Amino acid sequence: MLEQSNEPKRKYEWLSKWAKMTGERARIDAKANNTYIVYERDGKLVKEFPDGDIVPLNSDGED
């Protein structure tokens, strides 16, 4: 008997993998260049530094 998954099949499944790989590459580049990456977490922009520190980004873009 075939088992069915309850998860919906994505039309562009490769897109999730590509986005994850892009984020990982950004972290590698940030570490190599001693910079940070900016992304959205819980609806707010944050900076993630190579040492793992995560700080919120102010709305005006300044620290």
Protein backbone atom coordinates (compact mmCIF):
# COMPACT_ATOMS: atom_id res chain seq x y z
CA MET A 1 0.00 0.00 0.00
CA LEU A 2 1.28 3.48 -0.83
CA GLU A 3 1.83 6.01 1.93
CA GLN A 4 0.67 9.53 1.28
CA SER A 5 2.34 12.58 2.77
CA ASN A 6 0.13 15.26 4.29
CA GLU A 7 2.59 17.95 3.18
CA PRO A 8 1.54 19.79 0.03
CA LYS A 9 3.84 19.38 -2.96
CA ARG A 10 5.42 22.67 -3.97
CA LYS A 11 5.39 23.60 -7.60
CA TYR A 12 8.90 25.06 -7.36
CA GLU A 13 10.47 22.85 -4.71
CA TRP A 14 13.97 23.83 -5.82
CA LEU A 15 13.29 27.44 -4.76
CA SER A 16 13.37 26.63 -1.02
CA LYS A 17 16.67 24.82 -1.41
CA TRP A 18 18.13 27.68 -3.46
CA ALA A 19 17.06 30.28 -0.86
CA LYS A 20 18.63 28.25 1.96
CA MET A 21 21.87 27.86 0.03
CA THR A 22 21.95 31.60 -0.72
CA GLY A 23 21.61 32.39 3.00
CA GLU A 24 24.38 29.97 3.88
CA ARG A 25 26.62 31.53 1.25
CA ALA A 26 25.91 35.01 2.64
CA ARG A 27 27.02 33.84 6.10
CA ILE A 28 30.24 32.40 4.66
CA ASP A 29 30.99 35.63 2.77
CA ALA A 30 30.23 37.75 5.84
CA LYS A 31 32.63 35.68 7.93
CA ALA A 32 35.37 35.87 5.28
CA ASN A 33 34.99 39.66 4.96
CA ASN A 34 34.28 40.32 8.66
CA THR A 35 30.94 41.96 7.86
CA TYR A 36 27.35 41.16 8.76
CA ILE A 37 24.20 40.00 7.00
CA VAL A 38 20.77 41.57 7.34
CA TYR A 39 17.55 39.58 7.28
CA GLU A 40 14.04 39.57 8.71
CA ARG A 41 13.29 37.71 11.93
CA ASP A 42 9.91 37.87 13.66
CA GLY A 43 8.86 40.74 11.40
CA LYS A 44 11.88 42.94 12.20
CA LEU A 45 15.20 43.46 10.45
CA VAL A 46 18.26 42.16 12.28
CA LYS A 47 22.02 42.12 11.73
CA GLU A 48 23.87 38.85 12.24
CA PHE A 49 27.61 39.13 12.80
CA PRO A 50 30.16 36.38 12.06
CA ASP A 51 30.59 35.68 15.78
CA GLY A 52 26.89 34.79 16.05
CA ASP A 53 25.68 38.04 17.67
CA ILE A 54 22.26 39.12 16.41
CA VAL A 55 21.20 42.74 16.93
CA PRO A 56 18.03 44.50 15.80
CA LEU A 57 18.41 47.03 13.01
CA ASN A 58 16.90 50.42 13.85
CA SER A 59 14.22 51.73 11.51
CA ASP A 60 16.51 54.54 10.33
CA GLY A 61 19.29 52.07 9.46
CA GLU A 62 21.66 53.41 12.12
CA ASP A 63 23.01 51.48 15.13
